[in-house]
């Protein structure tokens, strides 16, 4: 399984099928809430989602949260896809460069996701992507901060590391947090898309707030 497929020359950790799906759900935006992404890296998931959103008339802020400080695994992943960054590099300018080609109403929060989520203004959320929060306490912090702003029957929750535990058996217990959360609140979510043979991502419709 090779999850690292460029999206329009942007290094990615998700395959084409996910990029296509993000564009689809963006294009179906109803106007009831904003899009929020936790773990944006260089923009390979934000850009296809934004591409869909603007076709639907999206005119609200796009909230992005990330450390945007390159670590060794990110340096290697980028290098394998033909992009050179160095350990410790501030990646936010690259994210802006990639997303600005599509949309310019970006609200980016650089640094600790848990701390920066305290700055979230409380806009209703229609599309909510969790990438970076794949274990606690960050995952629970993010749920606590954002779930009160989900819209029952409308919000789509994308858990981009839902099946990540299958690839990291040694870390299985600590990275099962996304899957356990959905299972413990099964009546609150409806699975609407996943590709377990291709990637770790799964998308859910929020039926009610847990």
C-alpha atoms as a PDB file:
ATOM      1  CA  UNK A   1       0.000   0.000   0.000  1.00  0.00           C
ATOM      2  CA  UNK A   2       1.512   3.326  -1.040  1.00  0.00           C
ATOM      3  CA  UNK A   3      -0.357   6.230   0.535  1.00  0.00           C
ATOM      4  CA  UNK A   4       2.135   8.834  -0.606  1.00  0.00           C
ATOM      5  CA  UNK A   5       0.778  10.166  -3.872  1.00  0.00           C
ATOM      6  CA  UNK A   6       1.287  13.795  -4.858  1.00  0.00           C
ATOM      7  CA  UNK A   7      -1.718  16.021  -5.268  1.00  0.00           C
ATOM      8  CA  UNK A   8      -0.953  18.653  -7.920  1.00  0.00           C
ATOM      9  CA  UNK A   9       2.754  18.536  -7.018  1.00  0.00           C
ATOM     10  CA  UNK A  10       2.035  18.766  -3.281  1.00  0.00           C
ATOM     11  CA  UNK A  11       3.532  15.886  -1.253  1.00  0.00           C
ATOM     12  CA  UNK A  12       0.676  13.839   0.190  1.00  0.00           C
ATOM     13  CA  UNK A  13       0.103  11.102   2.749  1.00  0.00           C
ATOM     14  CA  UNK A  14      -3.268  10.168   1.292  1.00  0.00           C
ATOM     15  CA  UNK A  15      -4.165   8.524  -2.032  1.00  0.00           C
ATOM     16  CA  UNK A  16      -6.045   9.922  -5.000  1.00  0.00           C
ATOM     17  CA  UNK A  17      -9.327   8.325  -3.950  1.00  0.00           C
ATOM     18  CA  UNK A  18      -9.328  10.466  -0.796  1.00  0.00           C
ATOM     19  CA  UNK A  19      -8.443  13.648  -2.688  1.00  0.00           C
ATOM     20  CA  UNK A  20     -11.344  12.984  -5.066  1.00  0.00           C
ATOM     21  CA  UNK A  21     -13.704  12.380  -2.166  1.00  0.00           C
ATOM     22  CA  UNK A  22     -12.629  15.598  -0.440  1.00  0.00           C
ATOM     23  CA  UNK A  23     -13.437  17.526  -3.613  1.00  0.00           C
ATOM     24  CA  UNK A  24     -16.832  15.806  -3.748  1.00  0.00           C
ATOM     25  CA  UNK A  25     -17.856  16.628  -0.182  1.00  0.00           C
ATOM     26  CA  UNK A  26     -16.581  20.165  -0.637  1.00  0.00           C
ATOM     27  CA  UNK A  27     -18.744  20.583  -3.730  1.00  0.00           C
ATOM     28  CA  UNK A  28     -21.769  19.483  -1.657  1.00  0.00           C
ATOM     29  CA  UNK A  29     -21.261  22.206   0.972  1.00  0.00           C
ATOM     30  CA  UNK A  30     -24.654  23.445   2.176  1.00  0.00           C
ATOM     31  CA  UNK A  31     -23.571  26.821   3.551  1.00  0.00           C
ATOM     32  CA  UNK A  32     -24.401  25.951   7.155  1.00  0.00           C
ATOM     33  CA  UNK A  33     -20.867  25.858   8.553  1.00  0.00           C
ATOM     34  CA  UNK A  34     -17.134  26.214   8.016  1.00  0.00           C
ATOM     35  CA  UNK A  35     -14.397  23.726   7.199  1.00  0.00           C
ATOM     36  CA  UNK A  36     -11.766  22.887   9.818  1.00  0.00           C
ATOM     37  CA  UNK A  37      -8.624  20.786   9.339  1.00  0.00           C
ATOM     38  CA  UNK A  38      -6.358  19.551  12.127  1.00  0.00           C
ATOM     39  CA  UNK A  39      -3.021  18.509  10.647  1.00  0.00           C
ATOM     40  CA  UNK A  40      -2.642  20.258   7.314  1.00  0.00           C
ATOM     41  CA  UNK A  41       1.057  19.694   6.506  1.00  0.00           C
ATOM     42  CA  UNK A  42       1.678  21.082   2.991  1.00  0.00           C
ATOM     43  CA  UNK A  43      -1.935  21.281   1.837  1.00  0.00           C
ATOM     44  CA  UNK A  44      -2.518  18.072  -0.112  1.00  0.00           C
ATOM     45  CA  UNK A  45      -5.857  17.496   1.631  1.00  0.00           C
ATOM     46  CA  UNK A  46      -6.818  21.142   2.089  1.00  0.00           C
ATOM     47  CA  UNK A  47      -6.451  21.977  -1.605  1.00  0.00           C
ATOM     48  CA  UNK A  48      -8.831  19.331  -3.014  1.00  0.00           C
ATOM     49  CA  UNK A  49     -11.356  20.108  -0.296  1.00  0.00           C
ATOM     50  CA  UNK A  50     -11.092  23.830  -1.065  1.00  0.00           C
ATOM     51  CA  UNK A  51     -11.399  23.076  -4.781  1.00  0.00           C
ATOM     52  CA  UNK A  52     -14.776  21.499  -4.112  1.00  0.00           C
ATOM     53  CA  UNK A  53     -15.851  24.139  -1.620  1.00  0.00           C
ATOM     54  CA  UNK A  54     -15.335  27.063  -3.970  1.00  0.00           C
ATOM     55  CA  UNK A  55     -17.472  25.401  -6.652  1.00  0.00           C
ATOM     56  CA  UNK A  56     -20.252  25.398  -4.061  1.00  0.00           C
ATOM     57  CA  UNK A  57     -19.748  29.087  -3.309  1.00  0.00           C
ATOM     58  CA  UNK A  58     -17.762  28.749  -0.093  1.00  0.00           C
ATOM     59  CA  UNK A  59     -17.043  32.216   1.293  1.00  0.00           C
ATOM     60  CA  UNK A  60     -16.151  31.527   4.918  1.00  0.00           C
ATOM     61  CA  UNK A  61     -12.819  31.126   6.707  1.00  0.00           C
ATOM     62  CA  UNK A  62     -11.006  27.807   6.317  1.00  0.00           C
ATOM     63  CA  UNK A  63      -9.496  26.938   9.700  1.00  0.00           C
ATOM     64  CA  UNK A  64      -6.199  25.012   9.625  1.00  0.00           C
ATOM     65  CA  UNK A  65      -4.209  23.843  12.641  1.00  0.00           C
ATOM     66  CA  UNK A  66      -0.728  22.299  12.481  1.00  0.00           C
ATOM     67  CA  UNK A  67       2.746  22.438  14.039  1.00  0.00           C
ATOM     68  CA  UNK A  68       4.166  23.341  10.629  1.00  0.00           C
ATOM     69  CA  UNK A  69       7.665  22.469  11.825  1.00  0.00           C
ATOM     70  CA  UNK A  70       9.281  19.717   9.756  1.00  0.00           C
ATOM     71  CA  UNK A  71      10.438  16.591  11.574  1.00  0.00           C
ATOM     72  CA  UNK A  72      12.564  13.763  10.183  1.00  0.00           C
ATOM     73  CA  UNK A  73       9.679  11.549   8.945  1.00  0.00           C
ATOM     74  CA  UNK A  74       8.135  14.528   7.148  1.00  0.00           C
ATOM     75  CA  UNK A  75      11.470  15.430   5.572  1.00  0.00           C
ATOM     76  CA  UNK A  76      11.793  11.877   4.244  1.00  0.00           C
ATOM     77  CA  UNK A  77       8.215  11.748   2.971  1.00  0.00           C
ATOM     78  CA  UNK A  78       8.616  15.057   1.163  1.00  0.00           C
ATOM     79  CA  UNK A  79      11.969  13.991  -0.305  1.00  0.00           C
ATOM     80  CA  UNK A  80      10.490  10.772  -1.721  1.00  0.00           C
ATOM     81  CA  UNK A  81       8.015  12.957  -3.578  1.00  0.00           C
ATOM     82  CA  UNK A  82      10.588  15.363  -4.930  1.00  0.00           C
ATOM     83  CA  UNK A  83      10.269  18.211  -2.418  1.00  0.00           C
ATOM     84  CA  UNK A  84      13.215  19.178  -0.225  1.00  0.00           C
ATOM     85  CA  UNK A  85      12.629  20.532   3.257  1.00  0.00           C
ATOM     86  CA  UNK A  86      14.893  20.401   6.277  1.00  0.00           C
ATOM     87  CA  UNK A  87      14.347  19.344   9.890  1.00  0.00           C
ATOM     88  CA  UNK A  88      12.939  22.236  11.867  1.00  0.00           C
ATOM     89  CA  UNK A  89      11.842  24.205   8.792  1.00  0.00           C
ATOM     90  CA  UNK A  90       8.760  26.387   9.123  1.00  0.00           C
ATOM     91  CA  UNK A  91       6.336  24.759   6.680  1.00  0.00           C
ATOM     92  CA  UNK A  92       3.527  27.290   6.987  1.00  0.00           C
ATOM     93  CA  UNK A  93       4.820  29.411   4.052  1.00  0.00           C
ATOM     94  CA  UNK A  94       4.663  26.298   1.832  1.00  0.00           C
ATOM     95  CA  UNK A  95       1.128  25.598   3.002  1.00  0.00           C
ATOM     96  CA  UNK A  96       0.113  29.181   2.211  1.00  0.00           C
ATOM     97  CA  UNK A  97       1.821  28.989  -1.183  1.00  0.00           C
ATOM     98  CA  UNK A  98      -0.081  25.832  -2.104  1.00  0.00           C
ATOM     99  CA  UNK A  99      -3.496  26.860  -0.789  1.00  0.00           C
ATOM    100  CA  UNK A 100      -3.388  30.480  -1.974  1.00  0.00           C
ATOM    101  CA  UNK A 101      -3.646  29.253  -5.547  1.00  0.00           C
ATOM    102  CA  UNK A 102      -7.154  28.115  -4.680  1.00  0.00           C
ATOM    103  CA  UNK A 103      -8.426  30.197  -1.741  1.00  0.00           C
ATOM    104  CA  UNK A 104      -7.192  33.068   0.393  1.00  0.00           C
ATOM    105  CA  UNK A 105      -9.494  33.195   3.409  1.00  0.00           C
ATOM    106  CA  UNK A 106      -7.261  30.894   5.465  1.00  0.00           C
ATOM    107  CA  UNK A 107      -7.178  31.081   9.262  1.00  0.00           C
ATOM    108  CA  UNK A 108      -3.999  29.211  10.187  1.00  0.00           C
ATOM    109  CA  UNK A 109      -2.925  28.430  13.743  1.00  0.00           C
ATOM    110  CA  UNK A 110       0.703  27.308  14.025  1.00  0.00           C
ATOM    111  CA  UNK A 111       2.012  25.335  17.006  1.00  0.00           C
ATOM    112  CA  UNK A 112       0.333  23.124  19.584  1.00  0.00           C
ATOM    113  CA  UNK A 113      -3.058  22.021  18.298  1.00  0.00           C
ATOM    114  CA  UNK A 114      -4.393  21.496  21.826  1.00  0.00           C
ATOM    115  CA  UNK A 115      -3.425  25.020  22.873  1.00  0.00           C
ATOM    116  CA  UNK A 116      -4.468  26.724  19.654  1.00  0.00           C
ATOM    117  CA  UNK A 117      -7.898  25.117  19.629  1.00  0.00           C
ATOM    118  CA  UNK A 118      -8.696  27.365  22.577  1.00  0.00           C
ATOM    119  CA  UNK A 119      -8.664  30.204  20.044  1.00  0.00           C
ATOM    120  CA  UNK A 120     -11.355  28.626  17.876  1.00  0.00           C
ATOM    121  CA  UNK A 121     -14.113  31.265  17.662  1.00  0.00           C
ATOM    122  CA  UNK A 122     -17.034  28.846  17.724  1.00  0.00           C
ATOM    123  CA  UNK A 123     -18.298  28.947  14.139  1.00  0.00           C
ATOM    124  CA  UNK A 124     -20.629  26.038  13.296  1.00  0.00           C
ATOM    125  CA  UNK A 125     -18.609  23.317  11.543  1.00  0.00           C
ATOM    126  CA  UNK A 126     -19.822  21.536   8.420  1.00  0.00           C
ATOM    127  CA  UNK A 127     -16.615  19.665   7.471  1.00  0.00           C
ATOM    128  CA  UNK A 128     -14.144  18.616  10.152  1.00  0.00           C
ATOM    129  CA  UNK A 129     -10.926  16.767   9.270  1.00  0.00           C
ATOM    130  CA  UNK A 130      -8.766  15.082  11.906  1.00  0.00           C
ATOM    131  CA  UNK A 131      -5.314  14.087  10.638  1.00  0.00           C
ATOM    132  CA  UNK A 132      -2.718  15.032  13.248  1.00  0.00           C
ATOM    133  CA  UNK A 133      -4.844  14.034  16.289  1.00  0.00           C
ATOM    134  CA  UNK A 134      -4.342  10.289  16.201  1.00  0.00           C
ATOM    135  CA  UNK A 135      -3.721   9.690  19.905  1.00  0.00           C
ATOM    136  CA  UNK A 136      -4.498  11.252  23.265  1.00  0.00           C
ATOM    137  CA  UNK A 137      -4.413  13.812  24.736  1.00  0.00           C
ATOM    138  CA  UNK A 138      -4.555  15.727  21.432  1.00  0.00           C
ATOM    139  CA  UNK A 139      -7.481  13.734  20.051  1.00  0.00           C
ATOM    140  CA  UNK A 140      -9.634  14.199  23.150  1.00  0.00           C
ATOM    141  CA  UNK A 141      -8.675  17.870  23.350  1.00  0.00           C
ATOM    142  CA  UNK A 142      -9.792  18.332  19.754  1.00  0.00           C
ATOM    143  CA  UNK A 143     -13.084  16.496  20.288  1.00  0.00           C
ATOM    144  CA  UNK A 144     -13.817  18.558  23.380  1.00  0.00           C
ATOM    145  CA  UNK A 145     -13.059  21.817  21.590  1.00  0.00           C
ATOM    146  CA  UNK A 146     -14.844  21.191  18.288  1.00  0.00           C
ATOM    147  CA  UNK A 147     -17.690  18.708  18.786  1.00  0.00           C
ATOM    148  CA  UNK A 148     -19.999  21.299  20.421  1.00  0.00           C
ATOM    149  CA  UNK A 149     -19.888  23.160  17.094  1.00  0.00           C
ATOM    150  CA  UNK A 150     -20.847  20.213  14.883  1.00  0.00           C
ATOM    151  CA  UNK A 151     -24.238  20.346  13.152  1.00  0.00           C
ATOM    152  CA  UNK A 152     -26.301  17.162  13.646  1.00  0.00           C
ATOM    153  CA  UNK A 153     -27.320  15.654  10.326  1.00  0.00           C
ATOM    154  CA  UNK A 154     -24.950  17.924   8.420  1.00  0.00           C
ATOM    155  CA  UNK A 155     -21.377  17.778   9.719  1.00  0.00           C
ATOM    156  CA  UNK A 156     -18.955  15.385   8.042  1.00  0.00           C
ATOM    157  CA  UNK A 157     -16.154  14.142  10.286  1.00  0.00           C
ATOM    158  CA  UNK A 158     -13.112  12.851   8.426  1.00  0.00           C
ATOM    159  CA  UNK A 159     -10.807  10.681  10.534  1.00  0.00           C
ATOM    160  CA  UNK A 160      -7.771  10.324   8.300  1.00  0.00           C
ATOM    161  CA  UNK A 161      -6.008   7.870  10.621  1.00  0.00           C
ATOM    162  CA  UNK A 162      -9.018   5.728  11.517  1.00  0.00           C
ATOM    163  CA  UNK A 163      -7.308   2.507  10.373  1.00  0.00           C
ATOM    164  CA  UNK A 164      -3.747   3.661  11.143  1.00  0.00           C
ATOM    165  CA  UNK A 165      -3.422   1.071  13.938  1.00  0.00           C
ATOM    166  CA  UNK A 166      -3.347  -1.694  11.320  1.00  0.00           C
ATOM    167  CA  UNK A 167      -0.005  -0.416  10.047  1.00  0.00           C
ATOM    168  CA  UNK A 168       1.539   0.142  13.480  1.00  0.00           C
ATOM    169  CA  UNK A 169       0.861  -3.005  15.533  1.00  0.00           C
ATOM    170  CA  UNK A 170       3.514  -2.058  18.081  1.00  0.00           C
ATOM    171  CA  UNK A 171       1.594   1.158  18.821  1.00  0.00           C
ATOM    172  CA  UNK A 172      -1.863  -0.368  18.420  1.00  0.00           C
ATOM    173  CA  UNK A 173      -3.245   0.601  21.830  1.00  0.00           C
ATOM    174  CA  UNK A 174      -2.234   4.261  21.720  1.00  0.00           C
ATOM    175  CA  UNK A 175      -3.441   4.880  18.168  1.00  0.00           C
ATOM    176  CA  UNK A 176      -6.800   3.130  18.400  1.00  0.00           C
ATOM    177  CA  UNK A 177      -8.296   6.279  19.900  1.00  0.00           C
ATOM    178  CA  UNK A 178     -10.149   7.400  16.751  1.00  0.00           C
ATOM    179  CA  UNK A 179     -11.762   4.016  16.180  1.00  0.00           C
ATOM    180  CA  UNK A 180     -12.679   3.592  19.850  1.00  0.00           C
ATOM    181  CA  UNK A 181     -14.303   7.000  19.956  1.00  0.00           C
ATOM    182  CA  UNK A 182     -16.602   6.131  17.048  1.00  0.00           C
ATOM    183  CA  UNK A 183     -17.418   2.708  18.482  1.00  0.00           C
ATOM    184  CA  UNK A 184     -18.187   4.131  21.923  1.00  0.00           C
ATOM    185  CA  UNK A 185     -20.536   6.666  20.343  1.00  0.00           C
ATOM    186  CA  UNK A 186     -21.901   4.417  17.615  1.00  0.00           C
ATOM    187  CA  UNK A 187     -25.382   5.941  17.657  1.00  0.00           C
ATOM    188  CA  UNK A 188     -23.967   9.377  16.945  1.00  0.00           C
ATOM    189  CA  UNK A 189     -22.167   8.597  13.685  1.00  0.00           C
ATOM    190  CA  UNK A 190     -22.893   7.040  10.306  1.00  0.00           C
ATOM    191  CA  UNK A 191     -20.016   5.724   8.205  1.00  0.00           C
ATOM    192  CA  UNK A 192     -20.303   7.283   4.745  1.00  0.00           C
ATOM    193  CA  UNK A 193     -16.970   6.404   3.102  1.00  0.00           C
ATOM    194  CA  UNK A 194     -13.809   4.410   3.730  1.00  0.00           C
ATOM    195  CA  UNK A 195     -11.177   2.486   1.772  1.00  0.00           C
ATOM    196  CA  UNK A 196      -9.546   0.113   4.284  1.00  0.00           C
ATOM    197  CA  UNK A 197      -7.631  -1.722   1.545  1.00  0.00           C
ATOM    198  CA  UNK A 198      -6.092   1.523   0.278  1.00  0.00           C
ATOM    199  CA  UNK A 199      -5.617   3.881   3.215  1.00  0.00           C
ATOM    200  CA  UNK A 200      -6.391   4.720   6.827  1.00  0.00           C
ATOM    201  CA  UNK A 201      -9.119   7.290   6.132  1.00  0.00           C
ATOM    202  CA  UNK A 202     -12.789   7.060   7.058  1.00  0.00           C
ATOM    203  CA  UNK A 203     -15.567   9.635   6.855  1.00  0.00           C
ATOM    204  CA  UNK A 204     -18.666   9.843   9.035  1.00  0.00           C
ATOM    205  CA  UNK A 205     -21.880  11.891   9.102  1.00  0.00           C
ATOM    206  CA  UNK A 206     -22.573  13.293  12.564  1.00  0.00           C
ATOM    207  CA  UNK A 207     -26.101  12.198  13.455  1.00  0.00           C
ATOM    208  CA  UNK A 208     -26.076  13.770  16.913  1.00  0.00           C
ATOM    209  CA  UNK A 209     -23.518  15.314  19.250  1.00  0.00           C
ATOM    210  CA  UNK A 210     -21.981  12.698  21.591  1.00  0.00           C
END
